[in-house]
Amino acid sequence: MKYLITSTLLLALGLSACVYEPEQFEESSSAPASGSSSEIGTVRAINSGKQICNPSISQDTANYPGAMLWLNFGGVLNVTPKDSNYTTRQVVQHDRLTVTNQDNEVVWYLMMDSTDCQFQDPEWSTHPNFVVATRGVDSEGSKGCTDLDYGIFAARMSDHKQFWLVDKGLGEFTTPHLWVDPSVTDLDTTASDTTVQGFFGTENVRLVYVDTKSEINFVDFANGGVKKTVKLKKPAEMQKENWTPDSPMISPDGKFIVFNAVKIMGNSTVMKSYIQKLDANATAVEMERSSDMMGEPMQPHWFKYGARLFVTWTEVSENNFFVKGDLSLAETQDGSLGRTVMREISLDANAPADLAMQWVGSVIEIAPVPMTGGRSPDGKFLATGYQNGFMLELP
């Protein structure tokens, strides 16, 4: 999920992933691995001075605390490798999924196969042991990778094994997210990893993604799976005004999503956000901009802390939807580039539509910098990345 760039540079879809031909930025000098501390906390550079995208905060505070998942660009990677198989020179763009800790050390990675062309859209699932991404192969089997066909797969953090959720027929702008029953803690390693039950330890698995017709698809593997895929309803204004959904994120209870909506208007990009129940008949409800907000809510994520549930999002000033600033510098930490906020919410999937989603209290600022990759389950870290990748350890 999740990057920010300058407003009219990339008038494309898929604002939470490298789902376009990305602009290559000039390399900058490396930021200190020790991080820059200030009133907002400690900012640490990830892949220092090199470009990344798709930042996704770790959902595993036991095995990968203070870490983030991201997607690389080509050339040189400025990280501490986990082992000799993780190359940092002559790197091919989007050829691996990488998890680094706050010290910029690679703690987990997955390289693409020789028949693959690239990865896209990596996102940590709601479960600490699984991540989800798309993988593109040439539709004609050519090594030139000129006409890509994408599928969605899950990867298991514990042993790197992979499972195809949707094997083909998708495009670059898929931005999948995965929910796995949180009661699954110990996997049966003797079970077949070719079935949903065997791979995840449960059939209670849910997937959302955006298809090639710009519709959000919902797959419930406990109720028919891919054969009974549900297409969620678009709000009337999205259909009429040609808004495109992007980056649906499933709630911790597996019953709702938050997502971006994107529209190109001339030389500018407009974004807003919605919440929707995972039901074929449910209508998406816009997250309205209140008077105390800098801008429209962007890149929304769920954040569960104990029994409390929040939605976090990024706000930026008008015509500054895409930010490339170095967040380790004091002059970028005054809110001028944007901020990261949250608001508590109450969800009830069994309630009437007007009571199913209720905001609690007002908007709370987490940090005066825009961080698009979500907040860690322990509340201690935020992640972001597009031209520069950063983690913020909150005070």
Protein backbone atom coordinates (compact mmCIF):
# COMPACT_ATOMS: atom_id res chain seq x y z
CA MET A 1 0.00 0.00 0.00
CA LYS A 2 1.26 3.16 0.11
CA TYR A 3 3.28 5.95 -1.26
CA LEU A 4 3.14 9.68 -1.85
CA ILE A 5 4.56 11.61 -4.83
CA THR A 6 4.10 15.18 -6.26
CA SER A 7 0.69 16.07 -7.65
CA THR A 8 0.84 16.06 -11.44
CA LEU A 9 3.73 13.64 -11.94
CA LEU A 10 1.82 10.38 -12.01
CA LEU A 11 -1.70 10.68 -13.26
CA ALA A 12 -2.32 6.99 -12.97
CA LEU A 13 -4.31 4.54 -10.96
CA GLY A 14 -3.31 2.36 -8.06
CA LEU A 15 -2.10 4.95 -5.60
CA SER A 16 -0.95 2.50 -2.99
CA ALA A 17 1.33 0.39 -5.12
CA CYS A 18 3.89 0.65 -7.90
CA VAL A 19 1.14 -0.09 -10.37
CA TYR A 20 2.41 2.14 -13.15
CA GLU A 21 5.70 2.80 -14.85
CA PRO A 22 7.19 4.68 -11.90
CA GLU A 23 9.30 7.78 -12.17
CA GLN A 24 12.90 7.00 -11.34
CA PHE A 25 14.30 9.60 -8.97
CA GLU A 26 17.89 10.68 -8.57
CA GLU A 27 19.68 8.90 -5.79
CA SER A 28 20.29 10.84 -2.61
CA SER A 29 22.91 10.44 0.07
CA SER A 30 22.23 7.75 2.63
CA ALA A 31 20.47 8.72 5.82
CA PRO A 32 22.07 7.53 9.06
CA ALA A 33 20.88 4.07 10.07
CA SER A 34 20.62 5.21 13.68
CA GLY A 35 17.73 7.49 12.78
CA SER A 36 16.79 11.08 13.46
CA SER A 37 15.03 11.75 16.77
CA SER A 38 12.78 14.71 17.51
CA GLU A 39 9.50 15.54 19.23
CA ILE A 40 7.59 13.33 16.79
CA GLY A 41 9.72 10.27 17.58
CA THR A 42 12.59 8.59 15.74
CA VAL A 43 12.57 8.54 11.94
CA ARG A 44 14.70 5.84 10.33
CA ALA A 45 15.45 5.55 6.62
CA ILE A 46 14.66 2.27 4.88
CA ASN A 47 16.80 1.41 1.84
CA SER A 48 18.56 4.68 2.56
CA GLY A 49 18.73 7.07 -0.37
CA LYS A 50 17.12 4.56 -2.74
CA GLN A 51 13.57 4.41 -3.99
CA ILE A 52 10.89 2.03 -2.68
CA CYS A 53 7.13 1.72 -2.81
CA ASN A 54 4.30 -0.34 -1.31
CA PRO A 55 5.20 0.17 2.36
CA SER A 56 3.21 -2.14 4.65
CA ILE A 57 3.79 -2.21 8.39
CA SER A 58 4.51 -5.57 10.03
CA GLN A 59 1.54 -7.27 11.65
CA ASP A 60 3.86 -9.63 13.53
CA THR A 61 5.12 -7.92 16.68
CA ALA A 62 6.69 -11.16 17.96
CA ASN A 63 8.88 -12.26 15.04
CA TYR A 64 9.12 -9.03 13.04
CA PRO A 65 8.65 -6.15 15.46
CA GLY A 66 9.28 -2.66 14.14
CA ALA A 67 9.53 -3.89 10.54
CA MET A 68 7.94 -3.17 7.18
CA LEU A 69 7.26 -4.98 3.91
CA TRP A 70 8.10 -3.14 0.68
CA LEU A 71 8.77 -3.41 -3.04
CA ASN A 72 12.08 -2.47 -4.64
CA PHE A 73 13.16 -0.57 -7.71
CA GLY A 74 16.07 -1.52 -9.97
CA GLY A 75 19.78 -0.90 -9.59
CA VAL A 76 21.30 -0.81 -6.11
CA LEU A 77 19.65 -1.58 -2.78
CA ASN A 78 21.04 0.09 0.32
CA VAL A 79 20.15 -2.45 2.99
CA THR A 80 21.99 -5.00 5.13
CA PRO A 81 21.29 -8.36 3.44
CA LYS A 82 19.96 -11.31 5.40
CA ASP A 83 22.24 -13.72 3.52
CA SER A 84 24.30 -14.07 0.34
CA ASN A 85 21.23 -14.88 -1.77
CA TYR A 86 19.86 -11.38 -1.20
CA THR A 87 21.78 -9.41 -3.81
CA THR A 88 22.05 -5.62 -3.60
CA ARG A 89 23.68 -4.86 -6.98
CA GLN A 90 22.22 -5.11 -10.49
CA VAL A 91 18.81 -5.61 -8.96
CA VAL A 92 15.82 -5.96 -11.28
CA GLN A 93 12.81 -3.79 -10.49
CA HIS A 94 10.08 -5.55 -8.45
CA ASP A 95 12.01 -8.83 -8.37
CA ARG A 96 11.53 -9.49 -4.63
CA LEU A 97 9.44 -8.85 -1.58
CA THR A 98 11.50 -7.48 1.28
CA VAL A 99 10.91 -7.05 5.01
CA THR A 100 13.40 -4.82 6.81
CA ASN A 101 13.54 -3.86 10.45
CA GLN A 102 14.01 -0.31 11.74
CA ASP A 103 17.80 -0.74 11.49
CA ASN A 104 17.48 -1.28 7.73
CA GLU A 105 18.39 -4.96 8.03
CA VAL A 106 16.65 -7.50 5.79
CA VAL A 107 14.87 -9.94 8.09
CA TRP A 108 12.75 -11.77 5.47
CA TYR A 109 12.52 -11.83 1.70
CA LEU A 110 11.00 -13.70 -1.22
CA MET A 111 12.58 -13.71 -4.69
CA MET A 112 10.49 -14.17 -7.81
CA ASP A 113 10.83 -17.35 -9.87
CA SER A 114 12.66 -17.43 -13.20
CA THR A 115 9.33 -17.58 -15.06
CA ASP A 116 7.97 -14.48 -13.31
CA CYS A 117 8.24 -10.95 -14.64
CA GLN A 118 7.54 -8.92 -11.52
CA PHE A 119 5.78 -8.63 -8.19
CA GLN A 120 3.19 -5.95 -7.47
CA ASP A 121 1.04 -4.75 -4.58
CA PRO A 122 2.51 -6.58 -1.55
CA GLU A 123 0.51 -6.13 1.63
CA TRP A 124 0.73 -7.74 5.05
CA SER A 125 -2.50 -9.60 5.72
CA THR A 126 -4.50 -9.19 8.91
CA HIS A 127 -2.70 -12.31 10.18
CA PRO A 128 0.96 -12.05 11.24
CA ASN A 129 2.01 -15.20 9.34
CA PHE A 130 0.75 -14.27 5.86
CA VAL A 131 1.40 -11.61 3.23
CA VAL A 132 -0.37 -11.19 -0.08
CA ALA A 133 0.82 -9.83 -3.43
CA THR A 134 0.34 -10.11 -7.18
CA ARG A 135 2.74 -11.73 -9.59
CA GLY A 136 2.93 -10.98 -13.29
CA VAL A 137 3.96 -13.39 -16.02
CA ASP A 138 4.07 -12.87 -19.77
CA SER A 139 0.72 -13.96 -21.19
CA GLU A 140 2.46 -15.49 -24.23
CA GLY A 141 5.23 -17.13 -22.27
CA SER A 142 7.81 -14.74 -23.65
CA LYS A 143 10.87 -13.78 -21.63
CA GLY A 144 10.40 -10.22 -22.87
CA CYS A 145 7.61 -9.62 -20.33
CA THR A 146 5.76 -7.27 -22.67
CA ASP A 147 2.16 -8.39 -22.06
CA LEU A 148 1.66 -9.29 -18.42
CA ASP A 149 -1.07 -11.36 -16.86
CA TYR A 150 -1.36 -11.08 -13.07
CA GLY A 151 -2.52 -13.46 -10.38
CA ILE A 152 -2.78 -13.15 -6.59
CA PHE A 153 -0.82 -15.32 -4.19
CA ALA A 154 -0.27 -15.55 -0.46
CA ALA A 155 3.11 -16.23 1.11
CA ARG A 156 3.61 -17.80 4.51
CA MET A 157 6.15 -15.92 6.59
CA SER A 158 7.11 -18.96 8.65
CA ASP A 159 8.39 -21.08 5.75
CA HIS A 160 8.14 -18.96 2.55
CA LYS A 161 5.63 -21.35 0.98
CA GLN A 162 3.18 -19.83 -1.49
CA PHE A 163 -0.45 -20.43 -2.39
CA TRP A 164 -2.32 -19.15 -5.44
CA LEU A 165 -5.57 -17.40 -4.53
CA VAL A 166 -6.44 -16.20 -8.05
CA ASP A 167 -4.11 -17.66 -10.64
CA LYS A 168 -4.62 -15.35 -13.63
CA GLY A 169 -6.77 -12.81 -15.46
CA LEU A 170 -5.92 -9.72 -13.45
CA GLY A 171 -4.10 -6.47 -14.16
CA GLU A 172 -1.54 -4.26 -12.47
CA PHE A 173 -4.12 -2.29 -10.51
CA THR A 174 -5.25 -5.18 -8.32
CA THR A 175 -4.11 -4.08 -4.81
CA PRO A 176 -5.28 -7.22 -2.94
CA HIS A 177 -5.76 -7.62 0.79
CA LEU A 178 -6.23 -10.82 2.78
CA TRP A 179 -8.01 -11.66 6.02
CA VAL A 180 -7.24 -14.91 7.87
CA ASP A 181 -9.09 -16.13 10.95
CA PRO A 182 -7.04 -14.75 13.86
CA SER A 183 -7.73 -17.86 15.97
CA VAL A 184 -5.20 -19.78 13.84
CA THR A 185 -1.95 -19.77 15.80
CA ASP A 186 -0.27 -23.13 15.25
CA LEU A 187 -0.15 -24.60 11.75
CA ASP A 188 -0.16 -28.33 11.11
CA THR A 189 3.05 -28.61 9.11
CA THR A 190 2.06 -32.08 7.91
CA ALA A 191 -1.11 -30.78 6.24
CA SER A 192 -1.24 -30.32 2.48
CA ASP A 193 -0.25 -26.80 1.48
CA THR A 194 -2.19 -27.11 -1.79
CA THR A 195 -5.57 -26.48 -0.13
CA VAL A 196 -6.89 -23.42 1.66
CA GLN A 197 -7.39 -25.45 4.84
CA GLY A 198 -3.92 -26.94 4.70
CA PHE A 199 -2.07 -23.76 3.80
CA PHE A 200 -3.80 -21.36 6.19
CA GLY A 201 -4.90 -23.80 8.89
CA THR A 202 -8.52 -22.76 8.26
CA GLU A 203 -11.00 -22.21 5.45
CA ASN A 204 -12.07 -18.99 7.13
CA VAL A 205 -10.06 -16.83 4.74
CA ARG A 206 -11.25 -13.73 2.86
CA LEU A 207 -9.76 -11.84 -0.05
CA VAL A 208 -10.55 -8.49 -1.65
CA TYR A 209 -9.04 -6.99 -4.79
CA VAL A 210 -9.79 -4.63 -7.68
CA ASP A 211 -10.43 -6.32 -11.03
CA THR A 212 -9.73 -5.07 -14.55
CA LYS A 213 -13.18 -3.42 -14.67
CA SER A 214 -12.33 -1.32 -11.61
CA GLU A 215 -14.70 -3.23 -9.36
CA ILE A 216 -13.90 -4.49 -5.87
CA ASN A 217 -14.17 -8.29 -5.71
CA PHE A 218 -14.79 -10.17 -2.46
CA VAL A 219 -13.89 -13.85 -2.13
CA ASP A 220 -14.94 -15.85 0.93
CA PHE A 221 -13.08 -19.17 0.82
CA ALA A 222 -15.34 -20.63 3.50
CA ASN A 223 -18.39 -19.98 1.31
CA GLY A 224 -17.70 -21.04 -2.25
CA GLY A 225 -14.32 -19.42 -2.84
CA VAL A 226 -13.41 -17.91 -6.21
CA LYS A 227 -16.39 -19.54 -7.96
CA LYS A 228 -18.72 -17.43 -5.82
CA THR A 229 -16.82 -14.15 -6.02
CA VAL A 230 -18.97 -11.17 -5.03
CA LYS A 231 -18.63 -7.83 -6.79
CA LEU A 232 -19.27 -5.02 -4.33
CA LYS A 233 -21.59 -2.19 -5.27
CA LYS A 234 -20.08 1.12 -6.30
CA PRO A 235 -21.64 4.27 -4.86
CA ALA A 236 -23.71 6.16 -7.41
CA GLU A 237 -21.30 9.09 -7.50
CA MET A 238 -18.37 6.76 -8.20
CA GLN A 239 -20.18 5.21 -11.14
CA LYS A 240 -21.39 8.52 -12.53
CA GLU A 241 -18.13 10.42 -12.12
CA ASN A 242 -15.77 7.57 -13.06
CA TRP A 243 -14.06 7.12 -9.71
CA THR A 244 -11.76 4.10 -9.43
CA PRO A 245 -11.50 2.08 -6.19
CA ASP A 246 -8.03 1.35 -4.88
CA SER A 247 -6.43 -0.59 -2.02
CA PRO A 248 -9.36 -2.16 -0.16
CA MET A 249 -8.31 -3.19 3.37
CA ILE A 250 -10.30 -5.76 5.36
CA SER A 251 -11.23 -4.96 8.95
CA PRO A 252 -9.94 -7.12 11.84
CA ASP A 253 -13.34 -8.85 12.14
CA GLY A 254 -13.30 -9.68 8.42
CA LYS A 255 -16.64 -7.99 7.71
CA PHE A 256 -15.84 -4.49 6.37
CA ILE A 257 -13.33 -2.74 4.14
CA VAL A 258 -11.88 0.74 3.88
CA PHE A 259 -10.60 1.87 0.49
CA ASN A 260 -9.41 4.80 -1.61
CA ALA A 261 -11.33 6.20 -4.53
CA VAL A 262 -9.30 7.95 -7.23
CA LYS A 263 -10.28 10.25 -10.08
CA ILE A 264 -8.18 12.09 -12.65
CA MET A 265 -9.44 15.63 -13.30
CA GLY A 266 -7.39 17.36 -15.98
CA ASN A 267 -3.89 17.73 -14.59
CA SER A 268 -4.79 16.85 -11.03
CA THR A 269 -5.59 13.75 -9.05
CA VAL A 270 -8.51 13.68 -6.61
CA MET A 271 -8.85 11.12 -3.84
CA LYS A 272 -11.35 10.25 -1.14
CA SER A 273 -12.05 7.23 1.04
CA TYR A 274 -14.96 4.91 1.84
CA ILE A 275 -16.02 2.22 4.29
CA GLN A 276 -18.17 -0.67 3.08
CA LYS A 277 -19.59 -3.86 4.52
CA LEU A 278 -18.49 -7.04 2.73
CA ASP A 279 -21.91 -7.81 1.33
CA ALA A 280 -23.24 -7.75 -2.23
CA ASN A 281 -26.07 -5.43 -1.23
CA ALA A 282 -24.08 -3.04 0.97
CA THR A 283 -23.47 0.54 -0.06
CA ALA A 284 -20.12 2.21 0.54
CA VAL A 285 -20.19 5.15 2.95
CA GLU A 286 -17.85 8.05 2.29
CA MET A 287 -15.42 9.10 5.01
CA GLU A 288 -16.38 12.76 5.03
CA ARG A 289 -13.83 15.51 5.42
CA SER A 290 -14.43 17.50 8.59
CA SER A 291 -13.41 21.09 9.32
CA ASP A 292 -10.42 19.99 11.42
CA MET A 293 -8.84 17.98 8.57
CA MET A 294 -6.07 19.20 6.24
CA GLY A 295 -7.52 17.41 3.25
CA GLU A 296 -9.46 14.39 2.09
CA PRO A 297 -8.61 11.14 3.92
CA MET A 298 -6.12 9.06 1.93
CA GLN A 299 -4.61 5.58 2.30
CA PRO A 300 -6.92 4.40 5.10
CA HIS A 301 -5.95 1.44 7.29
CA TRP A 302 -7.51 -0.35 10.21
CA PHE A 303 -5.76 -0.20 13.58
CA LYS A 304 -6.99 -2.37 16.45
CA TYR A 305 -5.63 -1.63 19.90
CA GLY A 306 -7.04 -3.88 22.59
CA ALA A 307 -10.82 -3.72 22.30
CA ARG A 308 -10.72 -0.38 20.48
CA LEU A 309 -10.85 -0.04 16.69
CA PHE A 310 -9.55 2.92 14.70
CA VAL A 311 -9.18 3.96 11.09
CA THR A 312 -5.85 5.63 10.35
CA TRP A 313 -5.26 7.74 7.27
CA THR A 314 -3.03 10.38 5.71
CA GLU A 315 -3.97 13.99 5.02
CA VAL A 316 -2.02 16.32 2.77
CA SER A 317 -2.57 19.90 1.69
CA GLU A 318 -4.44 20.68 -1.51
CA ASN A 319 -2.64 19.85 -4.77
CA ASN A 320 0.05 18.01 -2.83
CA PHE A 321 -1.38 14.51 -3.00
CA PHE A 322 1.99 12.97 -3.70
CA VAL A 323 4.85 13.93 -1.39
CA LYS A 324 8.53 13.13 -1.95
CA GLY A 325 10.02 14.86 1.08
CA ASP A 326 12.79 13.53 3.28
CA LEU A 327 10.93 12.94 6.53
CA SER A 328 14.15 12.67 8.53
CA LEU A 329 14.65 16.43 8.14
CA ALA A 330 13.26 18.76 10.80
CA GLU A 331 11.75 21.12 8.21
CA THR A 332 9.46 18.35 6.95
CA GLN A 333 8.15 17.48 10.42
CA ASP A 334 6.03 20.60 10.98
CA GLY A 335 2.91 19.34 9.22
CA SER A 336 3.57 21.30 6.03
CA LEU A 337 3.78 18.11 3.94
CA GLY A 338 0.81 16.50 5.63
CA ARG A 339 0.02 14.42 8.67
CA THR A 340 -1.09 10.98 9.83
CA VAL A 341 -4.26 10.74 11.90
CA MET A 342 -6.75 8.26 13.29
CA ARG A 343 -10.32 8.18 14.51
CA GLU A 344 -12.05 5.58 16.61
CA ILE A 345 -14.94 3.70 15.02
CA SER A 346 -17.56 1.15 16.09
CA LEU A 347 -18.63 -1.55 13.62
CA ASP A 348 -21.60 -3.90 13.79
CA ALA A 349 -22.19 -6.08 10.73
CA ASN A 350 -25.55 -7.25 12.12
CA ALA A 351 -26.96 -3.76 12.68
CA PRO A 352 -29.15 -1.77 10.27
CA ALA A 353 -27.12 0.13 7.68
CA ASP A 354 -27.38 3.48 9.48
CA LEU A 355 -26.00 1.94 12.69
CA ALA A 356 -23.41 -0.44 11.24
CA MET A 357 -20.61 2.17 11.23
CA GLN A 358 -20.43 4.80 13.95
CA TRP A 359 -17.55 7.21 14.51
CA VAL A 360 -16.45 7.68 18.11
CA GLY A 361 -14.88 10.97 19.16
CA SER A 362 -12.87 13.30 16.96
CA VAL A 363 -9.86 13.00 14.65
CA ILE A 364 -6.58 12.48 16.53
CA GLU A 365 -3.21 13.41 15.06
CA ILE A 366 -0.64 10.61 15.34
CA ALA A 367 2.26 12.42 13.66
CA PRO A 368 2.74 15.69 11.70
CA VAL A 369 4.16 13.76 8.73
CA PRO A 370 2.31 11.70 6.08
CA MET A 371 2.89 7.96 6.69
CA THR A 372 0.98 5.73 4.28
CA GLY A 373 1.86 2.16 5.28
CA GLY A 374 -0.28 1.73 8.39
CA ARG A 375 0.32 1.53 12.14
CA SER A 376 1.79 -1.52 13.88
CA PRO A 377 -0.52 -3.57 16.14
CA ASP A 378 1.40 -2.44 19.23
CA GLY A 379 0.90 1.18 18.19
CA LYS A 380 4.63 1.94 18.24
CA PHE A 381 5.49 2.28 14.54
CA LEU A 382 4.34 3.89 11.29
CA ALA A 383 5.72 3.15 7.81
CA THR A 384 5.83 5.00 4.52
CA GLY A 385 7.69 4.97 1.23
CA TYR A 386 7.76 6.14 -2.34
CA GLN A 387 10.85 8.07 -3.29
CA ASN A 388 12.16 7.54 0.21
CA GLY A 389 11.24 4.80 2.66
CA PHE A 390 10.92 5.56 6.35
CA MET A 391 9.78 4.08 9.61
CA LEU A 392 8.68 6.31 12.46
CA GLU A 393 9.00 5.02 16.01
CA LEU A 394 6.48 7.02 18.00
CA PRO A 395 7.46 8.54 21.36
